[in-house]
N, C-alpha and C. Protein backbone atom coordinates (compact mmCIF):
# COMPACT_ATOMS: atom_id res chain seq x y z
N MET A 1 97.09 100.84 125.65
CA MET A 1 96.36 100.37 124.86
C MET A 1 95.62 99.42 124.81
N GLN A 2 93.64 99.70 125.45
CA GLN A 2 92.87 99.06 125.63
C GLN A 2 92.26 98.07 123.96
N PHE A 3 91.75 96.93 123.39
CA PHE A 3 90.79 96.94 122.34
C PHE A 3 91.20 95.25 122.42
N LYS A 4 90.25 95.27 122.32
CA LYS A 4 89.60 93.55 121.97
C LYS A 4 89.51 93.69 120.60
N THR A 5 90.09 92.56 119.86
CA THR A 5 89.55 92.28 118.09
C THR A 5 88.47 92.04 117.87
N PRO A 6 87.57 90.90 118.15
CA PRO A 6 86.43 91.60 118.08
C PRO A 6 85.33 92.43 117.90
N ASP A 7 85.96 93.40 118.52
CA ASP A 7 84.92 94.69 119.42
C ASP A 7 86.24 95.76 117.86
N LEU A 8 87.15 95.27 117.47
CA LEU A 8 87.77 96.26 116.52
C LEU A 8 87.16 95.97 114.71
N CYS A 9 86.57 94.27 114.84
CA CYS A 9 86.11 93.95 113.85
C CYS A 9 84.94 94.36 113.68
N ASP A 10 83.80 94.76 114.37
CA ASP A 10 82.36 95.38 114.54
C ASP A 10 82.19 96.73 114.64
N GLN A 11 83.84 96.47 114.81
CA GLN A 11 83.35 98.86 114.64
C GLN A 11 83.85 99.39 113.32
N TYR A 12 85.08 98.57 112.95
CA TYR A 12 85.13 98.89 111.66
C TYR A 12 85.02 97.61 110.52
N GLU A 13 83.56 97.46 110.62
CA GLU A 13 83.42 96.39 109.77
C GLU A 13 82.88 96.49 108.31
N ALA A 14 82.47 97.68 107.99
CA ALA A 14 82.36 98.73 106.68
C ALA A 14 83.82 98.13 105.82
N GLU A 15 85.17 98.74 107.00
CA GLU A 15 86.65 98.43 105.82
C GLU A 15 86.73 96.72 106.32
N LEU A 16 86.25 96.36 106.61
CA LEU A 16 87.02 94.86 106.27
C LEU A 16 87.32 94.00 105.13
N GLY A 17 88.53 93.64 105.31
CA GLY A 17 89.07 93.40 103.85
C GLY A 17 89.73 94.23 102.77
N SER A 18 89.98 95.95 103.30
CA SER A 18 90.49 96.97 102.60
C SER A 18 91.57 97.15 103.81
N ALA A 19 90.44 98.16 104.25
CA ALA A 19 91.43 99.28 105.93
C ALA A 19 92.17 97.86 106.68
N VAL A 20 91.09 97.32 107.21
CA VAL A 20 91.33 96.29 108.38
C VAL A 20 90.97 95.29 107.95
N ARG A 21 92.46 94.43 108.06
CA ARG A 21 92.35 92.98 107.47
C ARG A 21 92.72 91.85 108.63
N VAL A 22 91.86 90.69 108.41
CA VAL A 22 92.33 90.02 109.52
C VAL A 22 93.35 88.72 109.28
N VAL A 23 93.80 88.54 110.14
CA VAL A 23 95.18 87.26 109.80
C VAL A 23 94.61 86.05 110.06
N ALA A 24 94.99 85.04 109.09
CA ALA A 24 93.85 83.29 109.21
C ALA A 24 95.13 83.11 110.78
N PRO A 25 93.62 82.06 111.05
CA PRO A 25 94.08 81.84 111.84
C PRO A 25 94.68 80.36 111.86
N MET A 26 96.10 81.09 112.59
CA MET A 26 97.94 80.08 112.26
C MET A 26 98.36 80.36 113.28
N PHE A 27 98.38 81.48 113.81
CA PHE A 27 99.79 81.47 114.84
C PHE A 27 98.93 81.18 116.55
N LYS A 28 99.70 80.84 117.58
CA LYS A 28 99.96 80.16 118.44
C LYS A 28 100.26 81.63 119.23
N ARG A 29 100.49 81.46 120.85
CA ARG A 29 100.02 82.42 121.63
C ARG A 29 101.17 82.59 122.25
N TYR A 30 102.78 83.23 122.49
CA TYR A 30 104.03 83.40 123.46
C TYR A 30 103.46 84.51 124.36
N GLY A 31 104.47 84.73 124.99
CA GLY A 31 105.20 85.89 125.72
C GLY A 31 104.38 86.23 127.00
N GLY A 32 104.87 87.35 127.83
CA GLY A 32 103.59 87.91 129.17
C GLY A 32 103.01 88.96 128.35
N ARG A 33 102.62 89.35 127.30
CA ARG A 33 102.00 89.65 126.62
C ARG A 33 100.43 89.74 126.52
N ALA A 34 99.07 89.07 126.98
CA ALA A 34 98.35 88.45 125.79
C ALA A 34 97.93 89.70 124.49
N ALA A 35 98.30 91.17 124.86
CA ALA A 35 97.38 91.35 123.62
C ALA A 35 98.88 92.36 123.41
N PHE A 36 98.81 92.67 122.36
CA PHE A 36 99.80 93.75 122.36
C PHE A 36 99.65 94.39 120.08
N ALA A 37 99.79 95.98 120.76
CA ALA A 37 99.10 96.53 119.97
C ALA A 37 100.68 97.65 118.80
N GLY A 38 101.17 97.85 117.53
CA GLY A 38 101.73 98.64 117.37
C GLY A 38 101.86 99.04 116.14
N GLU A 39 103.12 100.08 115.42
CA GLU A 39 103.60 100.59 114.04
C GLU A 39 104.49 98.96 113.82
N ILE A 40 103.92 98.46 112.54
CA ILE A 40 105.06 97.26 111.95
C ILE A 40 105.97 98.03 111.59
N VAL A 41 107.01 97.45 111.61
CA VAL A 41 108.44 97.37 110.71
C VAL A 41 108.67 95.00 110.71
N THR A 42 108.70 95.65 109.35
CA THR A 42 109.35 94.02 108.56
C THR A 42 110.39 93.34 108.56
N LEU A 43 110.34 91.89 108.22
CA LEU A 43 111.55 91.56 108.20
C LEU A 43 112.04 90.19 106.90
N LYS A 44 111.94 89.94 106.19
CA LYS A 44 112.17 89.23 105.44
C LYS A 44 113.16 88.38 105.51
N ILE A 45 113.35 87.26 106.08
CA ILE A 45 114.59 86.25 106.21
C ILE A 45 114.38 84.85 106.50
N PHE A 46 114.78 83.61 105.94
CA PHE A 46 114.99 82.01 105.73
C PHE A 46 116.02 81.85 106.68
N GLU A 47 115.40 80.82 108.39
CA GLU A 47 116.70 80.05 108.69
C GLU A 47 118.14 80.98 109.02
N ASP A 48 117.77 82.24 109.09
CA ASP A 48 118.69 83.04 109.31
C ASP A 48 118.45 84.01 110.50
N ASN A 49 118.65 84.34 111.85
CA ASN A 49 118.25 84.91 112.81
C ASN A 49 118.68 86.05 113.70
N THR A 50 120.51 86.08 112.28
CA THR A 50 120.37 87.95 112.50
C THR A 50 120.42 88.95 112.36
N LEU A 51 119.32 89.42 111.38
CA LEU A 51 118.61 90.85 111.34
C LEU A 51 117.82 90.76 112.58
N VAL A 52 117.36 90.20 113.43
CA VAL A 52 116.49 89.91 114.43
C VAL A 52 117.02 91.08 115.28
N ARG A 53 118.25 90.28 115.51
CA ARG A 53 118.72 90.74 116.93
C ARG A 53 119.52 92.53 116.77
N GLU A 54 119.76 92.67 115.26
CA GLU A 54 120.41 93.78 114.51
C GLU A 54 118.67 95.05 115.44
N ILE A 55 117.75 95.02 114.88
CA ILE A 55 116.08 94.72 114.80
C ILE A 55 115.82 95.13 115.93
N PHE A 56 115.87 94.10 117.34
CA PHE A 56 115.54 94.15 118.81
C PHE A 56 116.47 95.01 119.29
N ASN A 57 117.78 95.44 118.95
CA ASN A 57 119.11 96.17 118.81
C ASN A 57 118.08 98.09 119.29
N GLU A 58 117.50 97.82 118.26
CA GLU A 58 116.49 99.54 118.25
C GLU A 58 115.25 100.20 118.76
N PRO A 59 115.70 101.45 119.47
CA PRO A 59 114.14 101.44 120.30
C PRO A 59 112.85 100.89 119.56
N GLY A 60 112.35 100.50 120.08
CA GLY A 60 110.85 100.06 119.75
C GLY A 60 110.02 99.85 120.61
N HIS A 61 109.84 101.17 120.79
CA HIS A 61 108.39 101.49 121.64
C HIS A 61 107.23 101.63 120.50
N GLY A 62 105.91 101.07 120.78
CA GLY A 62 105.07 101.13 119.82
C GLY A 62 104.98 100.55 118.62
N LYS A 63 106.02 99.68 118.59
CA LYS A 63 106.01 99.03 117.35
C LYS A 63 106.33 97.24 117.37
N VAL A 64 105.40 96.77 116.96
CA VAL A 64 105.94 95.39 116.55
C VAL A 64 106.37 94.38 115.40
N LEU A 65 107.34 93.76 115.62
CA LEU A 65 107.89 93.67 114.52
C LEU A 65 107.72 92.41 113.96
N VAL A 66 107.40 92.37 112.47
CA VAL A 66 106.60 91.26 111.24
C VAL A 66 107.71 90.70 110.85
N ILE A 67 107.95 89.64 111.35
CA ILE A 67 108.77 88.57 110.71
C ILE A 67 108.03 87.49 108.87
N ASP A 68 108.73 87.88 108.33
CA ASP A 68 108.40 86.81 107.42
C ASP A 68 109.30 85.16 107.16
N GLY A 69 109.30 84.77 108.41
CA GLY A 69 110.23 83.64 107.96
C GLY A 69 110.30 81.92 106.79
N GLY A 70 109.19 82.87 106.26
CA GLY A 70 109.16 81.94 104.68
C GLY A 70 108.63 80.34 105.84
N GLY A 71 107.99 80.35 107.10
CA GLY A 71 107.13 79.60 106.96
C GLY A 71 107.69 78.15 107.39
N SER A 72 109.34 78.80 108.07
CA SER A 72 109.72 77.18 108.36
C SER A 72 109.20 77.11 109.62
N LEU A 73 109.96 75.51 109.68
CA LEU A 73 109.40 74.56 111.26
C LEU A 73 111.07 74.34 111.46
N ARG A 74 111.62 74.38 110.65
CA ARG A 74 113.13 73.70 110.57
C ARG A 74 114.17 74.54 111.98
N CYS A 75 113.57 75.50 112.27
CA CYS A 75 114.63 75.86 113.81
C CYS A 75 113.62 76.70 114.40
N ALA A 76 114.58 77.65 114.70
CA ALA A 76 113.70 78.55 115.89
C ALA A 76 113.83 80.21 115.11
N LEU A 77 113.61 81.25 114.93
CA LEU A 77 113.59 82.15 114.75
C LEU A 77 114.14 83.56 116.17
N VAL A 78 113.35 83.04 116.98
CA VAL A 78 113.01 84.34 118.37
C VAL A 78 113.54 82.81 119.60
N GLY A 79 114.62 83.76 120.28
CA GLY A 79 114.49 82.69 121.37
C GLY A 79 114.87 83.48 123.21
N ASP A 80 114.39 82.85 124.14
CA ASP A 80 114.24 83.84 124.92
C ASP A 80 115.36 85.17 125.23
N GLN A 81 116.66 85.11 124.55
CA GLN A 81 117.56 86.45 124.50
C GLN A 81 117.80 87.76 123.79
N LEU A 82 116.90 87.19 122.69
CA LEU A 82 116.07 88.00 121.52
C LEU A 82 115.01 88.95 122.24
N ALA A 83 114.13 87.81 123.29
CA ALA A 83 112.66 88.24 123.65
C ALA A 83 113.34 89.43 124.82
N ILE A 84 114.33 89.20 125.58
CA ILE A 84 115.10 89.31 126.31
C ILE A 84 116.03 91.74 125.43
N LEU A 85 115.89 91.34 125.01
CA LEU A 85 116.40 92.43 124.34
C LEU A 85 114.66 93.35 123.53
N ALA A 86 114.23 92.18 122.76
CA ALA A 86 113.18 93.33 122.49
C ALA A 86 112.13 93.67 123.57
N HIS A 87 112.28 93.11 124.60
CA HIS A 87 111.69 93.83 125.73
C HIS A 87 112.25 95.08 126.65
N LYS A 88 113.94 94.97 126.77
CA LYS A 88 114.43 96.31 127.10
C LYS A 88 114.34 96.87 126.02
N ASN A 89 114.25 97.17 124.61
CA ASN A 89 114.45 98.01 123.72
C ASN A 89 112.63 97.98 123.85
N GLY A 90 112.20 98.15 124.57
CA GLY A 90 110.73 98.69 124.00
C GLY A 90 109.82 98.18 123.43
N TRP A 91 110.34 96.91 122.51
CA TRP A 91 109.61 96.43 121.49
C TRP A 91 107.68 96.30 122.03
N GLU A 92 107.03 96.17 121.78
CA GLU A 92 105.37 95.58 122.04
C GLU A 92 105.33 94.42 122.12
N GLY A 93 106.20 93.88 120.56
CA GLY A 93 105.78 92.35 120.02
C GLY A 93 106.50 91.76 119.30
N VAL A 94 106.37 90.73 118.76
CA VAL A 94 106.54 89.87 117.46
C VAL A 94 105.47 89.66 116.90
N VAL A 95 105.46 89.12 115.70
CA VAL A 95 104.86 88.34 115.04
C VAL A 95 105.52 87.36 114.57
N VAL A 96 105.94 86.29 113.82
CA VAL A 96 106.52 85.04 112.86
C VAL A 96 106.36 84.09 112.65
N TYR A 97 106.56 84.13 111.27
CA TYR A 97 105.62 83.23 110.33
C TYR A 97 106.97 82.69 110.31
N GLY A 98 106.97 81.32 111.13
CA GLY A 98 108.03 80.37 111.74
C GLY A 98 107.85 80.10 113.22
N CYS A 99 109.58 80.28 113.76
CA CYS A 99 109.21 79.06 115.23
C CYS A 99 109.76 80.19 116.06
N ILE A 100 109.77 79.53 117.15
CA ILE A 100 110.41 80.67 118.18
C ILE A 100 110.91 78.86 119.43
N ARG A 101 112.29 79.55 120.35
CA ARG A 101 112.22 78.31 121.33
C ARG A 101 112.25 78.89 122.81
N ASP A 102 112.78 78.14 123.49
CA ASP A 102 112.68 78.60 124.81
C ASP A 102 111.29 79.87 124.81
N SER A 103 110.52 79.00 125.23
CA SER A 103 108.62 78.99 124.91
C SER A 103 108.43 79.86 126.70
N ALA A 104 109.23 78.63 127.39
CA ALA A 104 108.84 78.83 128.89
C ALA A 104 109.26 80.13 129.45
N ASP A 105 110.50 80.45 128.93
CA ASP A 105 111.15 81.38 129.48
C ASP A 105 110.43 82.80 128.51
N ILE A 106 110.09 82.18 127.40
CA ILE A 106 109.41 83.38 127.31
C ILE A 106 107.90 83.43 127.43
N ASN A 107 107.87 83.57 127.76
CA ASN A 107 106.36 83.30 128.16
C ASN A 107 106.58 84.35 128.96
N GLY A 108 107.61 84.16 130.21
CA GLY A 108 107.45 85.24 131.52
C GLY A 108 108.26 86.42 131.61
N ILE A 109 107.93 86.65 129.98
CA ILE A 109 108.84 87.83 129.94
C ILE A 109 107.49 88.64 129.11
N GLY A 110 107.63 89.88 129.73
CA GLY A 110 106.16 91.43 129.42
C GLY A 110 106.46 91.48 127.84
N ILE A 111 106.39 90.79 126.87
CA ILE A 111 106.46 91.43 125.43
C ILE A 111 104.68 89.96 125.00
N GLY A 112 104.37 90.68 123.97
CA GLY A 112 103.91 89.46 122.84
C GLY A 112 104.33 88.84 121.52
N VAL A 113 103.97 87.38 121.78
CA VAL A 113 104.62 87.17 121.07
C VAL A 113 103.23 85.79 120.20
N ARG A 114 103.83 86.69 118.58
CA ARG A 114 102.58 85.10 117.97
C ARG A 114 103.68 84.39 116.98
N ALA A 115 103.57 83.04 116.96
CA ALA A 115 104.26 82.01 115.89
C ALA A 115 103.88 80.85 116.03
N LEU A 116 103.93 80.03 114.68
CA LEU A 116 103.06 78.76 114.17
C LEU A 116 103.85 77.82 115.20
N ASP A 117 104.56 77.90 115.95
CA ASP A 117 104.97 76.57 116.00
C ASP A 117 106.18 76.74 117.68
N THR A 118 106.88 75.48 117.78
CA THR A 118 108.31 76.02 118.90
C THR A 118 109.30 74.78 118.13
N HIS A 119 110.31 75.26 117.97
CA HIS A 119 112.01 73.91 117.58
C HIS A 119 112.85 74.20 118.76
N PRO A 120 112.95 73.86 118.51
CA PRO A 120 114.63 73.77 119.92
C PRO A 120 116.21 74.01 118.95
N GLN A 121 116.07 73.73 117.90
CA GLN A 121 117.34 74.41 117.06
C GLN A 121 117.58 75.52 117.03
N LYS A 122 118.37 75.84 116.55
CA LYS A 122 118.98 77.91 116.26
C LYS A 122 119.56 78.17 114.74
N THR A 123 119.79 79.03 114.73
CA THR A 123 119.39 79.38 112.98
C THR A 123 120.92 79.31 112.89
N VAL A 124 121.22 79.04 111.77
CA VAL A 124 122.24 79.65 110.69
C VAL A 124 122.33 80.95 111.09
N LYS A 125 123.45 81.38 111.45
CA LYS A 125 124.45 83.71 110.94
C LYS A 125 124.93 83.47 110.02
N LYS A 126 124.37 84.27 109.02
CA LYS A 126 124.67 84.50 107.46
C LYS A 126 124.46 85.81 107.65
N GLY A 127 123.42 86.59 108.75
CA GLY A 127 123.11 87.92 108.47
C GLY A 127 122.12 88.67 107.06
N ILE A 128 121.35 87.21 106.47
CA ILE A 128 120.88 88.12 105.99
C ILE A 128 119.88 88.07 105.15
N GLY A 129 119.00 88.97 104.60
CA GLY A 129 117.41 88.92 104.90
C GLY A 129 117.64 90.78 104.37
N GLU A 130 116.06 90.78 104.52
CA GLU A 130 115.81 92.18 103.55
C GLU A 130 114.29 92.59 104.48
N ARG A 131 114.59 94.03 105.07
CA ARG A 131 113.58 94.47 105.53
C ARG A 131 113.18 95.95 105.13
N ASN A 132 111.86 96.51 105.84
CA ASN A 132 110.95 97.51 105.63
C ASN A 132 110.37 96.99 103.91
N LEU A 133 109.92 95.62 104.07
CA LEU A 133 109.31 94.82 102.78
C LEU A 133 108.17 95.13 103.41
N LYS A 134 106.74 94.93 101.66
CA LYS A 134 105.65 94.25 101.62
C LYS A 134 105.35 93.09 101.68
N LEU A 135 104.66 92.23 103.05
CA LEU A 135 105.63 91.04 103.23
C LEU A 135 103.53 90.83 103.52
N SER A 136 103.38 89.34 102.85
CA SER A 136 102.14 88.46 102.37
C SER A 136 102.33 86.89 102.97
N PHE A 137 101.38 86.43 104.08
CA PHE A 137 101.54 85.24 104.50
C PHE A 137 99.95 85.51 105.39
N GLY A 138 99.60 84.00 105.66
CA GLY A 138 98.43 84.18 106.45
C GLY A 138 96.75 84.73 106.22
N GLY A 139 96.87 85.18 104.46
CA GLY A 139 96.03 85.61 104.00
C GLY A 139 95.78 87.33 103.95
N VAL A 140 96.64 87.74 104.18
CA VAL A 140 96.87 89.57 104.62
C VAL A 140 98.74 90.13 103.55
N SER A 141 97.85 91.75 104.17
CA SER A 141 100.00 92.14 103.54
C SER A 141 99.92 92.76 104.55
N PHE A 142 101.76 92.58 104.99
CA PHE A 142 101.74 93.84 106.25
C PHE A 142 102.94 94.76 105.38
N ALA A 143 102.70 95.38 105.72
CA ALA A 143 103.43 96.75 105.04
C ALA A 143 103.99 97.49 106.17
N PRO A 144 105.20 98.26 106.16
CA PRO A 144 105.86 98.96 107.26
C PRO A 144 104.94 100.36 107.18
N GLY A 145 105.38 100.39 108.83
CA GLY A 145 104.36 101.74 108.62
C GLY A 145 102.24 101.66 109.19
N GLU A 146 102.52 100.79 109.18
CA GLU A 146 100.63 100.04 109.06
C GLU A 146 100.62 99.66 110.34
N TRP A 147 99.07 99.24 111.14
CA TRP A 147 99.93 98.87 112.11
C TRP A 147 99.17 97.69 112.59
N LEU A 148 99.58 96.75 114.24
CA LEU A 148 98.77 95.29 113.70
C LEU A 148 98.31 95.01 115.61
N TYR A 149 97.27 94.83 116.00
CA TYR A 149 95.78 94.11 116.85
C TYR A 149 96.59 92.86 117.60
N ALA A 150 97.00 91.76 118.17
CA ALA A 150 96.49 91.42 118.51
C ALA A 150 96.50 90.71 119.87
N ASP A 151 95.30 89.66 120.22
CA ASP A 151 94.86 89.78 121.18
C ASP A 151 94.44 88.06 120.82
N GLU A 152 93.69 87.11 122.46
CA GLU A 152 93.34 86.49 122.69
C GLU A 152 92.88 85.48 121.08
N ASP A 153 91.76 86.30 120.72
CA ASP A 153 91.06 86.15 119.79
C ASP A 153 92.01 86.09 118.46
N GLY A 154 92.41 86.90 117.90
CA GLY A 154 92.59 87.27 116.55
C GLY A 154 94.13 88.22 116.57
N VAL A 155 94.34 88.11 114.94
CA VAL A 155 95.19 89.00 114.82
C VAL A 155 95.11 90.25 113.88
N LEU A 156 95.15 92.03 113.20
CA LEU A 156 94.50 92.76 112.55
C LEU A 156 95.76 93.17 112.39
N VAL A 157 95.54 93.50 111.10
CA VAL A 157 96.47 94.48 110.48
C VAL A 157 95.11 95.45 109.93
N ALA A 158 95.35 97.25 109.63
CA ALA A 158 95.06 98.24 109.79
C ALA A 158 96.36 98.91 109.00
N SER A 159 95.63 100.44 108.20
CA SER A 159 96.57 100.60 107.20
C SER A 159 96.48 102.01 108.38
N ARG A 160 95.82 102.18 109.13
CA ARG A 160 96.10 103.41 110.95
C ARG A 160 95.53 103.21 111.69
N PRO A 161 96.11 103.71 112.96
CA PRO A 161 95.98 103.62 114.14
C PRO A 161 94.21 103.52 114.18
N LEU A 162 93.72 102.63 114.91
CA LEU A 162 92.46 102.51 115.14
C LEU A 162 91.62 102.16 116.32
N CYS A 163 92.47 102.87 117.50
CA CYS A 163 92.62 103.55 118.57
C CYS A 163 93.51 103.77 120.11
């Protein structure tokens, strides 16, 4: 899928703010794929990435995982092993409202990653979290079944596929 987020903003200008929403520029780019897009799958967790592994064990072709980690900067929710698992199972990318680790290794994996920052510490493992919720951060909402587009210029959320 070829796209540029500025072109999508221009093309869907009349729908900006409703059907097409621009996420605040708060994420750093990681992963071997600079641009990625797909249907949104959501996960709400806090300093526990047990459910991330469960989801990345599922087929993810055409999907992007959006993780609301509460914006925590105290540990990493995704590391190289989870990124490898996601890539192996076909996930297009992951957006983490929190931190990742093993960033140099993740940069060599063919998956798109956006995160607030990096942190070397792993999470606790309690298996606590919720899937398929409507999430809100970065000035927009993310609902399961909507579409996410990310490239070097930003992240967009759309209520339907745009390209």
